[in-house]
Amino acid sequence: FYEVPNLLLNGTLRALLQERPQLKTLLVHNVDTLGAFADPAILGTHLQSGRGITLEVIGRQLADKGGGLARVDGKLRLVEGLAMPESYSEYGLSYFNSMTSWVDLDQYLSLLGLDRESVLINDRERIGKAIGNLVERMPTYLTIKEVKRRARNGQEGAFPVAQIEHLWGDLTTLPDSNCGYLLVDRQRGRQLKSPDELDEWVAQSAAHLQGLCAWG
């Protein structure tokens, strides 16, 4: 969630707007969604829709672990694996979140209660408060992770650590985020999360990645 707000906090978005004042759309994706790129056809679909955020989904397969697109109280939204009841399998959701989003910059700033001018003048207090207000409207997850620590004698121990999380996909819970969804090709939306997936990924998706650009 915080990757995009951090563009405001660290001045990156301000620098982008100073250099490219016509900037309208951000393409946001996880580093492990290797097939994602700025596809003109998908950009055009997003712009034509008028959506604040267009989120790409793919058809779920057995290897896809995590939440997906669901209808909750009659409304479409992304449901993260952390938020799913234990009695419901994530494999009951047909469409998997590829973690790739097209973001209308002005609508996103409006969701925060900001505008381009507040970014350009670098009103850090207002920006920080706006991000905090948005976070308060979103679900918060508490997860327990294990952190390994090696002692001086070479012995290794694992210690439980509490981690508080806010997730980008949960913006779909907010009606004023104006989200839409787009089903894309699996090669575009497939993620590579583990070395164990490399052989299958190379066989099914490497050619797609090689065709995206010229590699030096």
C-alpha atoms as a PDB file:
ATOM      1  CA  PHE A   1       0.000   0.000   0.000  1.00  0.00           C
ATOM      2  CA  TYR A   2       2.668   2.500   1.035  1.00  0.00           C
ATOM      3  CA  GLU A   3       4.712   2.378  -2.180  1.00  0.00           C
ATOM      4  CA  VAL A   4       2.462   4.944  -3.878  1.00  0.00           C
ATOM      5  CA  PRO A   5       1.978   7.244  -0.849  1.00  0.00           C
ATOM      6  CA  ASN A   6       5.755   7.205  -0.430  1.00  0.00           C
ATOM      7  CA  LEU A   7       6.064   8.804  -3.883  1.00  0.00           C
ATOM      8  CA  LEU A   8       4.364  11.821  -2.318  1.00  0.00           C
ATOM      9  CA  LEU A   9       6.303  11.732   0.948  1.00  0.00           C
ATOM     10  CA  ASN A  10       9.775  11.418  -0.578  1.00  0.00           C
ATOM     11  CA  GLY A  11       9.249  14.031  -3.291  1.00  0.00           C
ATOM     12  CA  THR A  12       9.375  11.622  -6.247  1.00  0.00           C
ATOM     13  CA  LEU A  13       5.881  12.491  -7.481  1.00  0.00           C
ATOM     14  CA  ARG A  14       6.637  16.188  -7.108  1.00  0.00           C
ATOM     15  CA  ALA A  15       9.748  15.792  -9.274  1.00  0.00           C
ATOM     16  CA  LEU A  16       7.761  13.836 -11.869  1.00  0.00           C
ATOM     17  CA  LEU A  17       5.092  16.539 -12.070  1.00  0.00           C
ATOM     18  CA  GLN A  18       7.714  19.255 -12.398  1.00  0.00           C
ATOM     19  CA  GLU A  19       9.375  17.381 -15.254  1.00  0.00           C
ATOM     20  CA  ARG A  20       6.174  16.035 -16.852  1.00  0.00           C
ATOM     21  CA  PRO A  21       3.245  18.304 -15.868  1.00  0.00           C
ATOM     22  CA  GLN A  22       0.994  16.440 -18.324  1.00  0.00           C
ATOM     23  CA  LEU A  23       1.394  13.186 -16.341  1.00  0.00           C
ATOM     24  CA  LYS A  24      -2.039  11.621 -15.857  1.00  0.00           C
ATOM     25  CA  THR A  25      -1.626   7.888 -15.254  1.00  0.00           C
ATOM     26  CA  LEU A  26       0.622   5.741 -13.066  1.00  0.00           C
ATOM     27  CA  LEU A  27       1.285   2.064 -13.800  1.00  0.00           C
ATOM     28  CA  VAL A  28       1.874   0.295 -10.490  1.00  0.00           C
ATOM     29  CA  HIS A  29       2.916  -3.356 -10.271  1.00  0.00           C
ATOM     30  CA  ASN A  30       4.871  -5.738  -8.082  1.00  0.00           C
ATOM     31  CA  VAL A  31       8.445  -6.473  -9.070  1.00  0.00           C
ATOM     32  CA  ASP A  32       7.586 -10.184  -9.294  1.00  0.00           C
ATOM     33  CA  THR A  33       4.857  -9.595 -11.895  1.00  0.00           C
ATOM     34  CA  LEU A  34       7.487  -9.910 -14.590  1.00  0.00           C
ATOM     35  CA  GLY A  35       5.241  -9.754 -17.646  1.00  0.00           C
ATOM     36  CA  ALA A  36       3.646  -6.401 -16.810  1.00  0.00           C
ATOM     37  CA  PHE A  37       4.501  -3.480 -19.086  1.00  0.00           C
ATOM     38  CA  ALA A  38       2.883  -0.271 -20.357  1.00  0.00           C
ATOM     39  CA  ASP A  39       0.540  -1.818 -22.926  1.00  0.00           C
ATOM     40  CA  PRO A  40      -1.054   1.000 -25.000  1.00  0.00           C
ATOM     41  CA  ALA A  41      -4.283  -0.970 -25.513  1.00  0.00           C
ATOM     42  CA  ILE A  42      -4.766  -1.532 -21.784  1.00  0.00           C
ATOM     43  CA  LEU A  43      -3.897   2.096 -21.057  1.00  0.00           C
ATOM     44  CA  GLY A  44      -6.515   3.175 -23.584  1.00  0.00           C
ATOM     45  CA  THR A  45      -9.113   0.903 -21.987  1.00  0.00           C
ATOM     46  CA  HIS A  46      -8.339   2.392 -18.580  1.00  0.00           C
ATOM     47  CA  LEU A  47      -8.567   5.975 -19.842  1.00  0.00           C
ATOM     48  CA  GLN A  48     -11.807   5.317 -21.702  1.00  0.00           C
ATOM     49  CA  SER A  49     -13.386   3.759 -18.607  1.00  0.00           C
ATOM     50  CA  GLY A  50     -12.896   6.894 -16.510  1.00  0.00           C
ATOM     51  CA  ARG A  51     -11.951   4.725 -13.537  1.00  0.00           C
ATOM     52  CA  GLY A  52      -9.791   5.982 -10.708  1.00  0.00           C
ATOM     53  CA  ILE A  53      -7.952   2.656 -10.501  1.00  0.00           C
ATOM     54  CA  THR A  54      -8.090  -0.229 -12.985  1.00  0.00           C
ATOM     55  CA  LEU A  55      -6.789  -3.472 -11.478  1.00  0.00           C
ATOM     56  CA  GLU A  56      -5.663  -6.353 -13.673  1.00  0.00           C
ATOM     57  CA  VAL A  57      -6.739  -9.888 -12.799  1.00  0.00           C
ATOM     58  CA  ILE A  58      -5.960 -13.275 -14.345  1.00  0.00           C
ATOM     59  CA  GLY A  59      -7.759 -16.615 -14.342  1.00  0.00           C
ATOM     60  CA  ARG A  60      -6.731 -18.498 -11.216  1.00  0.00           C
ATOM     61  CA  GLN A  61      -4.704 -21.698 -11.436  1.00  0.00           C
ATOM     62  CA  LEU A  62      -3.560 -24.066  -8.708  1.00  0.00           C
ATOM     63  CA  ALA A  63      -0.207 -22.301  -8.263  1.00  0.00           C
ATOM     64  CA  ASP A  64      -1.865 -18.943  -7.528  1.00  0.00           C
ATOM     65  CA  LYS A  65      -1.966 -18.561  -3.757  1.00  0.00           C
ATOM     66  CA  GLY A  66      -3.791 -15.605  -2.248  1.00  0.00           C
ATOM     67  CA  GLY A  67      -7.006 -13.680  -2.560  1.00  0.00           C
ATOM     68  CA  GLY A  68      -8.810 -12.560  -5.648  1.00  0.00           C
ATOM     69  CA  LEU A  69     -11.853 -10.873  -7.100  1.00  0.00           C
ATOM     70  CA  ALA A  70     -15.032 -11.467  -5.101  1.00  0.00           C
ATOM     71  CA  ARG A  71     -18.518 -10.079  -4.701  1.00  0.00           C
ATOM     72  CA  VAL A  72     -19.048  -8.912  -1.114  1.00  0.00           C
ATOM     73  CA  ASP A  73     -22.470  -7.561  -0.143  1.00  0.00           C
ATOM     74  CA  GLY A  74     -23.261  -7.304  -3.825  1.00  0.00           C
ATOM     75  CA  LYS A  75     -20.156  -5.265  -4.704  1.00  0.00           C
ATOM     76  CA  LEU A  76     -17.060  -6.396  -6.592  1.00  0.00           C
ATOM     77  CA  ARG A  77     -13.796  -5.976  -4.704  1.00  0.00           C
ATOM     78  CA  LEU A  78     -10.466  -7.663  -4.186  1.00  0.00           C
ATOM     79  CA  VAL A  79     -10.346  -9.832  -1.093  1.00  0.00           C
ATOM     80  CA  GLU A  80      -6.879 -10.568   0.241  1.00  0.00           C
ATOM     81  CA  GLY A  81      -6.029 -14.025   1.515  1.00  0.00           C
ATOM     82  CA  LEU A  82      -5.526 -12.556   4.995  1.00  0.00           C
ATOM     83  CA  ALA A  83      -9.148 -11.383   5.050  1.00  0.00           C
ATOM     84  CA  MET A  84     -10.802 -14.597   3.895  1.00  0.00           C
ATOM     85  CA  PRO A  85     -12.689 -16.688   6.455  1.00  0.00           C
ATOM     86  CA  GLU A  86     -11.097 -20.037   7.247  1.00  0.00           C
ATOM     87  CA  SER A  87     -14.231 -21.803   6.059  1.00  0.00           C
ATOM     88  CA  TYR A  88     -13.834 -20.430   2.519  1.00  0.00           C
ATOM     89  CA  SER A  89     -11.106 -21.553   0.136  1.00  0.00           C
ATOM     90  CA  GLU A  90      -9.303 -18.936  -1.937  1.00  0.00           C
ATOM     91  CA  TYR A  91      -9.618 -21.381  -4.830  1.00  0.00           C
ATOM     92  CA  GLY A  92     -13.322 -20.585  -4.852  1.00  0.00           C
ATOM     93  CA  LEU A  93     -12.377 -17.222  -6.389  1.00  0.00           C
ATOM     94  CA  SER A  94     -12.028 -17.568 -10.160  1.00  0.00           C
ATOM     95  CA  TYR A  95      -9.884 -14.478 -10.734  1.00  0.00           C
ATOM     96  CA  PHE A  96      -6.506 -13.857  -9.115  1.00  0.00           C
ATOM     97  CA  ASN A  97      -5.091 -10.426  -8.343  1.00  0.00           C
ATOM     98  CA  SER A  98      -2.044  -9.849 -10.573  1.00  0.00           C
ATOM     99  CA  MET A  99      -0.996  -6.836  -8.440  1.00  0.00           C
ATOM    100  CA  THR A 100      -0.892  -4.560 -11.488  1.00  0.00           C
ATOM    101  CA  SER A 101      -2.885  -1.316 -11.389  1.00  0.00           C
ATOM    102  CA  TRP A 102      -3.470   1.696 -13.616  1.00  0.00           C
ATOM    103  CA  VAL A 103      -4.000   4.758 -11.441  1.00  0.00           C
ATOM    104  CA  ASP A 104      -5.619   8.022 -12.492  1.00  0.00           C
ATOM    105  CA  LEU A 105      -3.354  10.456 -10.684  1.00  0.00           C
ATOM    106  CA  ASP A 106      -5.911  13.212 -10.120  1.00  0.00           C
ATOM    107  CA  GLN A 107      -8.558  10.810  -8.835  1.00  0.00           C
ATOM    108  CA  TYR A 108      -6.036   9.207  -6.482  1.00  0.00           C
ATOM    109  CA  LEU A 109      -5.007  12.594  -5.132  1.00  0.00           C
ATOM    110  CA  SER A 110      -8.692  13.463  -4.696  1.00  0.00           C
ATOM    111  CA  LEU A 111      -9.178  10.226  -2.726  1.00  0.00           C
ATOM    112  CA  LEU A 112      -6.478  11.524  -0.394  1.00  0.00           C
ATOM    113  CA  GLY A 113      -8.090  14.958  -0.229  1.00  0.00           C
ATOM    114  CA  LEU A 114      -5.148  16.449  -2.148  1.00  0.00           C
ATOM    115  CA  ASP A 115      -4.483  17.991  -5.547  1.00  0.00           C
ATOM    116  CA  ARG A 116      -1.488  18.617  -7.781  1.00  0.00           C
ATOM    117  CA  GLU A 117      -0.828  22.006  -6.224  1.00  0.00           C
ATOM    118  CA  SER A 118      -0.411  20.548  -2.738  1.00  0.00           C
ATOM    119  CA  VAL A 119       2.112  18.069  -4.163  1.00  0.00           C
ATOM    120  CA  LEU A 120       4.036  20.726  -6.092  1.00  0.00           C
ATOM    121  CA  ILE A 121       4.352  23.063  -3.104  1.00  0.00           C
ATOM    122  CA  ASN A 122       5.481  20.041  -1.053  1.00  0.00           C
ATOM    123  CA  ASP A 123       3.047  20.605   1.820  1.00  0.00           C
ATOM    124  CA  ARG A 124       4.459  17.701   3.806  1.00  0.00           C
ATOM    125  CA  GLU A 125       2.233  18.188   6.850  1.00  0.00           C
ATOM    126  CA  ARG A 126      -0.932  18.138   4.752  1.00  0.00           C
ATOM    127  CA  ILE A 127       0.308  15.183   2.691  1.00  0.00           C
ATOM    128  CA  GLY A 128       1.219  13.166   5.789  1.00  0.00           C
ATOM    129  CA  LYS A 129      -2.147  13.846   7.407  1.00  0.00           C
ATOM    130  CA  ALA A 130      -3.984  12.928   4.187  1.00  0.00           C
ATOM    131  CA  ILE A 131      -2.207   9.572   3.961  1.00  0.00           C
ATOM    132  CA  GLY A 132      -2.944   8.874   7.629  1.00  0.00           C
ATOM    133  CA  ASN A 133      -6.633   9.635   7.110  1.00  0.00           C
ATOM    134  CA  LEU A 134      -6.783   7.220   4.168  1.00  0.00           C
ATOM    135  CA  VAL A 135      -5.054   4.483   6.173  1.00  0.00           C
ATOM    136  CA  GLU A 136      -7.671   4.842   8.921  1.00  0.00           C
ATOM    137  CA  ARG A 137     -10.401   4.010   6.395  1.00  0.00           C
ATOM    138  CA  MET A 138      -8.748   0.763   5.303  1.00  0.00           C
ATOM    139  CA  PRO A 139      -8.525  -2.690   6.889  1.00  0.00           C
ATOM    140  CA  THR A 140      -5.515  -3.368   9.104  1.00  0.00           C
ATOM    141  CA  TYR A 141      -3.944  -6.825   9.355  1.00  0.00           C
ATOM    142  CA  LEU A 142      -1.784  -8.181  12.153  1.00  0.00           C
ATOM    143  CA  THR A 143       0.371 -11.118  11.105  1.00  0.00           C
ATOM    144  CA  ILE A 144       2.999 -13.092  12.986  1.00  0.00           C
ATOM    145  CA  LYS A 145       6.276 -13.663  11.147  1.00  0.00           C
ATOM    146  CA  GLU A 146       9.409 -15.545  12.129  1.00  0.00           C
ATOM    147  CA  VAL A 147      12.750 -13.768  12.095  1.00  0.00           C
ATOM    148  CA  LYS A 148      15.896 -15.874  12.197  1.00  0.00           C
ATOM    149  CA  ARG A 149      18.858 -14.767  14.268  1.00  0.00           C
ATOM    150  CA  ARG A 150      22.264 -16.384  14.344  1.00  0.00           C
ATOM    151  CA  ALA A 151      24.097 -16.300  17.659  1.00  0.00           C
ATOM    152  CA  ARG A 152      27.859 -15.858  17.996  1.00  0.00           C
ATOM    153  CA  ASN A 153      28.274 -19.576  18.624  1.00  0.00           C
ATOM    154  CA  GLY A 154      26.703 -20.299  15.249  1.00  0.00           C
ATOM    155  CA  GLN A 155      23.367 -21.490  16.569  1.00  0.00           C
ATOM    156  CA  GLU A 156      20.287 -20.159  14.844  1.00  0.00           C
ATOM    157  CA  GLY A 157      17.029 -19.246  16.509  1.00  0.00           C
ATOM    158  CA  ALA A 158      13.641 -18.148  15.206  1.00  0.00           C
ATOM    159  CA  PHE A 159      11.737 -15.385  16.960  1.00  0.00           C
ATOM    160  CA  PRO A 160       8.087 -14.389  16.433  1.00  0.00           C
ATOM    161  CA  VAL A 161       7.547 -10.806  15.278  1.00  0.00           C
ATOM    162  CA  ALA A 162       4.221  -9.000  14.880  1.00  0.00           C
ATOM    163  CA  GLN A 163       3.793  -7.208  11.550  1.00  0.00           C
ATOM    164  CA  ILE A 164       1.057  -4.626  10.892  1.00  0.00           C
ATOM    165  CA  GLU A 165      -0.001  -4.484   7.237  1.00  0.00           C
ATOM    166  CA  HIS A 166      -2.122  -2.326   4.954  1.00  0.00           C
ATOM    167  CA  LEU A 167      -2.647  -3.660   1.434  1.00  0.00           C
ATOM    168  CA  TRP A 168      -3.030  -1.807  -1.863  1.00  0.00           C
ATOM    169  CA  GLY A 169      -5.835  -4.080  -3.039  1.00  0.00           C
ATOM    170  CA  ASP A 170      -8.002  -2.978  -0.130  1.00  0.00           C
ATOM    171  CA  LEU A 171      -8.513   0.371  -1.822  1.00  0.00           C
ATOM    172  CA  THR A 172     -11.248  -1.548  -3.639  1.00  0.00           C
ATOM    173  CA  THR A 173     -13.250  -1.521  -0.383  1.00  0.00           C
ATOM    174  CA  LEU A 174     -13.680   2.264  -0.684  1.00  0.00           C
ATOM    175  CA  PRO A 175     -16.565   3.326  -2.969  1.00  0.00           C
ATOM    176  CA  ASP A 176     -14.925   6.672  -3.774  1.00  0.00           C
ATOM    177  CA  SER A 177     -11.795   4.941  -5.110  1.00  0.00           C
ATOM    178  CA  ASN A 178     -13.814   4.284  -8.312  1.00  0.00           C
ATOM    179  CA  CYS A 179     -12.132   0.941  -9.068  1.00  0.00           C
ATOM    180  CA  GLY A 180     -12.624  -1.291 -12.084  1.00  0.00           C
ATOM    181  CA  TYR A 181     -11.177  -4.642 -13.135  1.00  0.00           C
ATOM    182  CA  LEU A 182      -9.680  -5.987 -16.334  1.00  0.00           C
ATOM    183  CA  LEU A 183      -9.044  -9.636 -17.193  1.00  0.00           C
ATOM    184  CA  VAL A 184      -5.631  -9.950 -18.867  1.00  0.00           C
ATOM    185  CA  ASP A 185      -3.543 -12.727 -20.380  1.00  0.00           C
ATOM    186  CA  ARG A 186      -1.897 -15.011 -17.846  1.00  0.00           C
ATOM    187  CA  GLN A 187       1.586 -14.375 -19.241  1.00  0.00           C
ATOM    188  CA  ARG A 188       1.127 -10.690 -18.441  1.00  0.00           C
ATOM    189  CA  GLY A 189      -0.210 -11.172 -14.931  1.00  0.00           C
ATOM    190  CA  ARG A 190       1.630 -14.233 -13.688  1.00  0.00           C
ATOM    191  CA  GLN A 191       3.916 -13.740 -10.694  1.00  0.00           C
ATOM    192  CA  LEU A 192       7.253 -15.389  -9.927  1.00  0.00           C
ATOM    193  CA  LYS A 193       7.571 -15.683  -6.160  1.00  0.00           C
ATOM    194  CA  SER A 194       9.873 -18.635  -5.521  1.00  0.00           C
ATOM    195  CA  PRO A 195      12.901 -20.357  -7.091  1.00  0.00           C
ATOM    196  CA  ASP A 196      10.770 -23.513  -7.064  1.00  0.00           C
ATOM    197  CA  GLU A 197       8.596 -21.931  -9.778  1.00  0.00           C
ATOM    198  CA  LEU A 198      11.457 -21.138 -12.163  1.00  0.00           C
ATOM    199  CA  ASP A 199      11.337 -24.257 -14.353  1.00  0.00           C
ATOM    200  CA  GLU A 200       7.598 -24.004 -14.973  1.00  0.00           C
ATOM    201  CA  TRP A 201       7.815 -20.238 -15.436  1.00  0.00           C
ATOM    202  CA  VAL A 202      10.611 -20.504 -18.019  1.00  0.00           C
ATOM    203  CA  ALA A 203       8.643 -23.102 -19.974  1.00  0.00           C
ATOM    204  CA  GLN A 204       5.408 -21.096 -20.017  1.00  0.00           C
ATOM    205  CA  SER A 205       6.310 -17.409 -19.769  1.00  0.00           C
ATOM    206  CA  ALA A 206       9.956 -16.728 -20.645  1.00  0.00           C
ATOM    207  CA  ALA A 207       9.276 -16.247 -24.367  1.00  0.00           C
ATOM    208  CA  HIS A 208       6.675 -13.595 -23.552  1.00  0.00           C
ATOM    209  CA  LEU A 209       9.162 -11.677 -21.415  1.00  0.00           C
ATOM    210  CA  GLN A 210      11.906 -11.914 -24.036  1.00  0.00           C
ATOM    211  CA  GLY A 211       9.555 -10.432 -26.612  1.00  0.00           C
ATOM    212  CA  LEU A 212       8.816  -7.290 -24.600  1.00  0.00           C
ATOM    213  CA  CYS A 213      12.047  -5.503 -25.487  1.00  0.00           C
ATOM    214  CA  ALA A 214      15.596  -5.856 -26.758  1.00  0.00           C
ATOM    215  CA  TRP A 215      17.925  -7.239 -24.092  1.00  0.00           C
ATOM    216  CA  GLY A 216      21.515  -6.041 -24.019  1.00  0.00           C
END
